[in-house]
Amino acid sequence: MTDKTTIYICGGEPFPEERTIYWNFVASTKELIEQAKEKWLAQTFEKIPGETEFVPLPEQIKKQ
């Protein structure tokens, strides 16, 4: 970590069901994660105002 690193810690009551986490996606099933990955690659998520650069999925970065 560097001096400009920001860490967020969130807490609370646990969800009643398991969650699947992949990169920036959290969902109740692996299928929903796969759908989110497909949407991300197709760039169909709503854009963040002022952001123009596409960020690849982690496995895309490894292939480069």
PDB file of N, CA and C in Angstrom:
ATOM      1  N   MET A   1       0.840  -1.182   0.000  1.00  0.00           N
ATOM      2  CA  MET A   1       0.000   0.000   0.000  1.00  0.00           C
ATOM      3  C   MET A   1       0.884   1.244   0.000  1.00  0.00           C
ATOM      4  N   THR A   2       0.316   2.310  -0.509  1.00  0.00           N
ATOM      5  CA  THR A   2       1.028   3.580  -0.528  1.00  0.00           C
ATOM      6  C   THR A   2       0.327   4.557   0.395  1.00  0.00           C
ATOM      7  N   ASP A   3       0.928   5.717   0.557  1.00  0.00           N
ATOM      8  CA  ASP A   3       0.320   6.725   1.431  1.00  0.00           C
ATOM      9  C   ASP A   3      -0.980   7.284   0.853  1.00  0.00           C
ATOM     10  N   LYS A   4      -1.255   7.020  -0.428  1.00  0.00           N
ATOM     11  CA  LYS A   4      -2.501   7.499  -1.046  1.00  0.00           C
ATOM     12  C   LYS A   4      -3.566   6.401  -1.115  1.00  0.00           C
ATOM     13  N   THR A   5      -3.329   5.284  -0.448  1.00  0.00           N
ATOM     14  CA  THR A   5      -4.278   4.175  -0.437  1.00  0.00           C
ATOM     15  C   THR A   5      -5.468   4.505   0.453  1.00  0.00           C
ATOM     16  N   THR A   6      -6.668   4.190  -0.029  1.00  0.00           N
ATOM     17  CA  THR A   6      -7.883   4.335   0.761  1.00  0.00           C
ATOM     18  C   THR A   6      -8.483   2.955   0.967  1.00  0.00           C
ATOM     19  N   ILE A   7      -8.816   2.637   2.192  1.00  0.00           N
ATOM     20  CA  ILE A   7      -9.431   1.352   2.518  1.00  0.00           C
ATOM     21  C   ILE A   7     -10.794   1.618   3.134  1.00  0.00           C
ATOM     22  N   TYR A   8     -11.797   0.900   2.653  1.00  0.00           N
ATOM     23  CA  TYR A   8     -13.144   1.003   3.197  1.00  0.00           C
ATOM     24  C   TYR A   8     -13.489  -0.316   3.878  1.00  0.00           C
ATOM     25  N   ILE A   9     -14.012  -0.245   5.063  1.00  0.00           N
ATOM     26  CA  ILE A   9     -14.461  -1.431   5.779  1.00  0.00           C
ATOM     27  C   ILE A   9     -15.954  -1.274   6.037  1.00  0.00           C
ATOM     28  N   CYS A  10     -16.725  -2.226   5.536  1.00  0.00           N
ATOM     29  CA  CYS A  10     -18.179  -2.186   5.706  1.00  0.00           C
ATOM     30  C   CYS A  10     -18.596  -3.337   6.607  1.00  0.00           C
ATOM     31  N   GLY A  11     -19.610  -3.116   7.388  1.00  0.00           N
ATOM     32  CA  GLY A  11     -20.075  -4.177   8.270  1.00  0.00           C
ATOM     33  C   GLY A  11     -21.571  -4.119   8.456  1.00  0.00           C
ATOM     34  N   GLY A  12     -22.067  -5.073   9.163  1.00  0.00           N
ATOM     35  CA  GLY A  12     -23.496  -5.129   9.426  1.00  0.00           C
ATOM     36  C   GLY A  12     -23.946  -6.560   9.576  1.00  0.00           C
ATOM     37  N   GLU A  13     -25.244  -6.735   9.593  1.00  0.00           N
ATOM     38  CA  GLU A  13     -25.818  -8.068   9.715  1.00  0.00           C
ATOM     39  C   GLU A  13     -25.504  -8.874   8.452  1.00  0.00           C
ATOM     40  N   PRO A  14     -25.169 -10.145   8.600  1.00  0.00           N
ATOM     41  CA  PRO A  14     -24.907 -10.967   7.415  1.00  0.00           C
ATOM     42  C   PRO A  14     -26.177 -11.190   6.595  1.00  0.00           C
ATOM     43  N   PHE A  15     -25.997 -11.347   5.292  1.00  0.00           N
ATOM     44  CA  PHE A  15     -27.119 -11.700   4.431  1.00  0.00           C
ATOM     45  C   PHE A  15     -27.577 -13.113   4.781  1.00  0.00           C
ATOM     46  N   PRO A  16     -28.858 -13.405   4.623  1.00  0.00           N
ATOM     47  CA  PRO A  16     -29.338 -14.753   4.952  1.00  0.00           C
ATOM     48  C   PRO A  16     -28.840 -15.818   3.966  1.00  0.00           C
ATOM     49  N   GLU A  17     -28.462 -15.397   2.745  1.00  0.00           N
ATOM     50  CA  GLU A  17     -27.959 -16.352   1.764  1.00  0.00           C
ATOM     51  C   GLU A  17     -26.516 -15.995   1.391  1.00  0.00           C
ATOM     52  N   GLU A  18     -25.811 -16.942   0.792  1.00  0.00           N
ATOM     53  CA  GLU A  18     -24.431 -16.712   0.382  1.00  0.00           C
ATOM     54  C   GLU A  18     -24.372 -15.690  -0.744  1.00  0.00           C
ATOM     55  N   ARG A  19     -23.265 -14.995  -0.833  1.00  0.00           N
ATOM     56  CA  ARG A  19     -23.008 -14.048  -1.916  1.00  0.00           C
ATOM     57  C   ARG A  19     -21.769 -14.504  -2.667  1.00  0.00           C
ATOM     58  N   THR A  20     -21.785 -14.284  -3.967  1.00  0.00           N
ATOM     59  CA  THR A  20     -20.631 -14.561  -4.809  1.00  0.00           C
ATOM     60  C   THR A  20     -19.984 -13.227  -5.131  1.00  0.00           C
ATOM     61  N   ILE A  21     -18.672 -13.163  -4.991  1.00  0.00           N
ATOM     62  CA  ILE A  21     -17.934 -11.929  -5.258  1.00  0.00           C
ATOM     63  C   ILE A  21     -16.929 -12.194  -6.363  1.00  0.00           C
ATOM     64  N   TYR A  22     -16.923 -11.324  -7.358  1.00  0.00           N
ATOM     65  CA  TYR A  22     -15.924 -11.363  -8.416  1.00  0.00           C
ATOM     66  C   TYR A  22     -15.598  -9.922  -8.767  1.00  0.00           C
ATOM     67  N   TRP A  23     -14.369  -9.515  -8.548  1.00  0.00           N
ATOM     68  CA  TRP A  23     -13.891  -8.180  -8.884  1.00  0.00           C
ATOM     69  C   TRP A  23     -14.810  -7.133  -8.262  1.00  0.00           C
ATOM     70  N   ASN A  24     -15.534  -6.352  -9.069  1.00  0.00           N
ATOM     71  CA  ASN A  24     -16.440  -5.324  -8.542  1.00  0.00           C
ATOM     72  C   ASN A  24     -17.893  -5.780  -8.508  1.00  0.00           C
ATOM     73  N   PHE A  25     -18.132  -7.054  -8.736  1.00  0.00           N
ATOM     74  CA  PHE A  25     -19.489  -7.578  -8.786  1.00  0.00           C
ATOM     75  C   PHE A  25     -19.786  -8.429  -7.559  1.00  0.00           C
ATOM     76  N   VAL A  26     -20.975  -8.259  -7.008  1.00  0.00           N
ATOM     77  CA  VAL A  26     -21.462  -9.087  -5.899  1.00  0.00           C
ATOM     78  C   VAL A  26     -22.876  -9.509  -6.269  1.00  0.00           C
ATOM     79  N   ALA A  27     -23.146 -10.812  -6.182  1.00  0.00           N
ATOM     80  CA  ALA A  27     -24.468 -11.315  -6.563  1.00  0.00           C
ATOM     81  C   ALA A  27     -24.813 -12.543  -5.739  1.00  0.00           C
ATOM     82  N   SER A  28     -26.066 -12.949  -5.849  1.00  0.00           N
ATOM     83  CA  SER A  28     -26.529 -14.115  -5.094  1.00  0.00           C
ATOM     84  C   SER A  28     -26.239 -15.432  -5.808  1.00  0.00           C
ATOM     85  N   THR A  29     -25.878 -15.368  -7.113  1.00  0.00           N
ATOM     86  CA  THR A  29     -25.545 -16.597  -7.844  1.00  0.00           C
ATOM     87  C   THR A  29     -24.371 -16.349  -8.786  1.00  0.00           C
ATOM     88  N   LYS A  30     -23.692 -17.436  -9.152  1.00  0.00           N
ATOM     89  CA  LYS A  30     -22.600 -17.334 -10.126  1.00  0.00           C
ATOM     90  C   LYS A  30     -23.136 -16.945 -11.498  1.00  0.00           C
ATOM     91  N   GLU A  31     -24.353 -17.372 -11.800  1.00  0.00           N
ATOM     92  CA  GLU A  31     -24.960 -17.032 -13.085  1.00  0.00           C
ATOM     93  C   GLU A  31     -25.129 -15.519 -13.221  1.00  0.00           C
ATOM     94  N   LEU A  32     -25.539 -14.862 -12.143  1.00  0.00           N
ATOM     95  CA  LEU A  32     -25.683 -13.400 -12.177  1.00  0.00           C
ATOM     96  C   LEU A  32     -24.327 -12.720 -12.350  1.00  0.00           C
ATOM     97  N   ILE A  33     -23.288 -13.292 -11.764  1.00  0.00           N
ATOM     98  CA  ILE A  33     -21.933 -12.755 -11.957  1.00  0.00           C
ATOM     99  C   ILE A  33     -21.542 -12.875 -13.431  1.00  0.00           C
ATOM    100  N   GLU A  34     -21.809 -14.018 -14.041  1.00  0.00           N
ATOM    101  CA  GLU A  34     -21.485 -14.214 -15.459  1.00  0.00           C
ATOM    102  C   GLU A  34     -22.252 -13.224 -16.333  1.00  0.00           C
ATOM    103  N   GLN A  35     -23.516 -12.974 -16.004  1.00  0.00           N
ATOM    104  CA  GLN A  35     -24.300 -11.982 -16.747  1.00  0.00           C
ATOM    105  C   GLN A  35     -23.689 -10.596 -16.599  1.00  0.00           C
ATOM    106  N   ALA A  36     -23.250 -10.258 -15.402  1.00  0.00           N
ATOM    107  CA  ALA A  36     -22.628  -8.948 -15.169  1.00  0.00           C
ATOM    108  C   ALA A  36     -21.332  -8.826 -15.963  1.00  0.00           C
ATOM    109  N   LYS A  37     -20.539  -9.893 -16.013  1.00  0.00           N
ATOM    110  CA  LYS A  37     -19.298  -9.874 -16.794  1.00  0.00           C
ATOM    111  C   LYS A  37     -19.594  -9.641 -18.273  1.00  0.00           C
ATOM    112  N   GLU A  38     -20.630 -10.319 -18.788  1.00  0.00           N
ATOM    113  CA  GLU A  38     -21.008 -10.146 -20.189  1.00  0.00           C
ATOM    114  C   GLU A  38     -21.455  -8.714 -20.465  1.00  0.00           C
ATOM    115  N   LYS A  39     -22.265  -8.159 -19.559  1.00  0.00           N
ATOM    116  CA  LYS A  39     -22.709  -6.764 -19.714  1.00  0.00           C
ATOM    117  C   LYS A  39     -21.521  -5.811 -19.664  1.00  0.00           C
ATOM    118  N   TRP A  40     -20.562  -6.101 -18.769  1.00  0.00           N
ATOM    119  CA  TRP A  40     -19.384  -5.238 -18.642  1.00  0.00           C
ATOM    120  C   TRP A  40     -18.579  -5.260 -19.947  1.00  0.00           C
ATOM    121  N   LEU A  41     -18.352  -6.462 -20.473  1.00  0.00           N
ATOM    122  CA  LEU A  41     -17.583  -6.583 -21.713  1.00  0.00           C
ATOM    123  C   LEU A  41     -18.294  -5.918 -22.885  1.00  0.00           C
ATOM    124  N   ALA A  42     -19.630  -5.982 -22.900  1.00  0.00           N
ATOM    125  CA  ALA A  42     -20.414  -5.336 -23.954  1.00  0.00           C
ATOM    126  C   ALA A  42     -20.553  -3.833 -23.708  1.00  0.00           C
ATOM    127  N   GLN A  43     -20.086  -3.383 -22.552  1.00  0.00           N
ATOM    128  CA  GLN A  43     -20.139  -1.969 -22.140  1.00  0.00           C
ATOM    129  C   GLN A  43     -21.562  -1.429 -22.158  1.00  0.00           C
ATOM    130  N   THR A  44     -22.495  -2.229 -21.607  1.00  0.00           N
ATOM    131  CA  THR A  44     -23.890  -1.797 -21.556  1.00  0.00           C
ATOM    132  C   THR A  44     -24.303  -1.281 -20.179  1.00  0.00           C
ATOM    133  N   PHE A  45     -23.373  -1.276 -19.217  1.00  0.00           N
ATOM    134  CA  PHE A  45     -23.673  -0.647 -17.931  1.00  0.00           C
ATOM    135  C   PHE A  45     -23.745   0.866 -18.125  1.00  0.00           C
ATOM    136  N   GLU A  46     -24.534   1.523 -17.307  1.00  0.00           N
ATOM    137  CA  GLU A  46     -24.617   2.980 -17.369  1.00  0.00           C
ATOM    138  C   GLU A  46     -23.236   3.577 -17.113  1.00  0.00           C
ATOM    139  N   LYS A  47     -22.875   4.583 -17.908  1.00  0.00           N
ATOM    140  CA  LYS A  47     -21.563   5.216 -17.789  1.00  0.00           C
ATOM    141  C   LYS A  47     -21.506   6.141 -16.575  1.00  0.00           C
ATOM    142  N   ILE A  48     -20.329   6.245 -15.996  1.00  0.00           N
ATOM    143  CA  ILE A  48     -20.092   7.178 -14.892  1.00  0.00           C
ATOM    144  C   ILE A  48     -19.788   8.535 -15.510  1.00  0.00           C
ATOM    145  N   PRO A  49     -20.487   9.593 -15.101  1.00  0.00           N
ATOM    146  CA  PRO A  49     -20.246  10.913 -15.686  1.00  0.00           C
ATOM    147  C   PRO A  49     -18.766  11.303 -15.591  1.00  0.00           C
ATOM    148  N   GLY A  50     -18.216  11.737 -16.716  1.00  0.00           N
ATOM    149  CA  GLY A  50     -16.830  12.185 -16.755  1.00  0.00           C
ATOM    150  C   GLY A  50     -15.820  11.083 -17.027  1.00  0.00           C
ATOM    151  N   GLU A  51     -16.235   9.827 -16.958  1.00  0.00           N
ATOM    152  CA  GLU A  51     -15.324   8.707 -17.227  1.00  0.00           C
ATOM    153  C   GLU A  51     -15.455   8.292 -18.686  1.00  0.00           C
ATOM    154  N   THR A  52     -14.345   8.204 -19.378  1.00  0.00           N
ATOM    155  CA  THR A  52     -14.378   7.806 -20.785  1.00  0.00           C
ATOM    156  C   THR A  52     -13.568   6.544 -21.055  1.00  0.00           C
ATOM    157  N   GLU A  53     -12.703   6.157 -20.129  1.00  0.00           N
ATOM    158  CA  GLU A  53     -11.832   5.001 -20.340  1.00  0.00           C
ATOM    159  C   GLU A  53     -12.517   3.710 -19.892  1.00  0.00           C
ATOM    160  N   PHE A  54     -12.434   2.682 -20.737  1.00  0.00           N
ATOM    161  CA  PHE A  54     -12.972   1.370 -20.388  1.00  0.00           C
ATOM    162  C   PHE A  54     -11.947   0.626 -19.544  1.00  0.00           C
ATOM    163  N   VAL A  55     -12.389   0.033 -18.448  1.00  0.00           N
ATOM    164  CA  VAL A  55     -11.522  -0.758 -17.576  1.00  0.00           C
ATOM    165  C   VAL A  55     -11.804  -2.230 -17.865  1.00  0.00           C
ATOM    166  N   PRO A  56     -10.800  -2.978 -18.323  1.00  0.00           N
ATOM    167  CA  PRO A  56     -11.038  -4.386 -18.636  1.00  0.00           C
ATOM    168  C   PRO A  56     -11.214  -5.240 -17.391  1.00  0.00           C
ATOM    169  N   LEU A  57     -11.829  -6.396 -17.584  1.00  0.00           N
ATOM    170  CA  LEU A  57     -11.940  -7.367 -16.499  1.00  0.00           C
ATOM    171  C   LEU A  57     -10.546  -7.887 -16.154  1.00  0.00           C
ATOM    172  N   PRO A  58     -10.334  -8.350 -14.927  1.00  0.00           N
ATOM    173  CA  PRO A  58      -9.004  -8.825 -14.534  1.00  0.00           C
ATOM    174  C   PRO A  58      -8.417  -9.883 -15.470  1.00  0.00           C
ATOM    175  N   GLU A  59      -9.227 -10.831 -15.959  1.00  0.00           N
ATOM    176  CA  GLU A  59      -8.662 -11.853 -16.844  1.00  0.00           C
ATOM    177  C   GLU A  59      -8.242 -11.275 -18.186  1.00  0.00           C
ATOM    178  N   GLN A  60      -8.842 -10.152 -18.598  1.00  0.00           N
ATOM    179  CA  GLN A  60      -8.423  -9.487 -19.829  1.00  0.00           C
ATOM    180  C   GLN A  60      -7.052  -8.851 -19.639  1.00  0.00           C
ATOM    181  N   ILE A  61      -6.797  -8.313 -18.463  1.00  0.00           N
ATOM    182  CA  ILE A  61      -5.510  -7.681 -18.177  1.00  0.00           C
ATOM    183  C   ILE A  61      -4.404  -8.733 -18.213  1.00  0.00           C
ATOM    184  N   LYS A  62      -4.671  -9.925 -17.667  1.00  0.00           N
ATOM    185  CA  LYS A  62      -3.672 -10.996 -17.631  1.00  0.00           C
ATOM    186  C   LYS A  62      -3.295 -11.462 -19.030  1.00  0.00           C
ATOM    187  N   LYS A  63      -4.226 -11.377 -19.991  1.00  0.00           N
ATOM    188  CA  LYS A  63      -3.969 -11.836 -21.358  1.00  0.00           C
ATOM    189  C   LYS A  63      -3.102 -10.858 -22.140  1.00  0.00           C
ATOM    190  N   GLN A  64      -3.032  -9.608 -21.700  1.00  0.00           N
ATOM    191  CA  GLN A  64      -2.299  -8.578 -22.449  1.00  0.00           C
ATOM    192  C   GLN A  64      -0.811  -8.755 -22.321  1.00  0.00           C
TER     193      GLN A  64
END
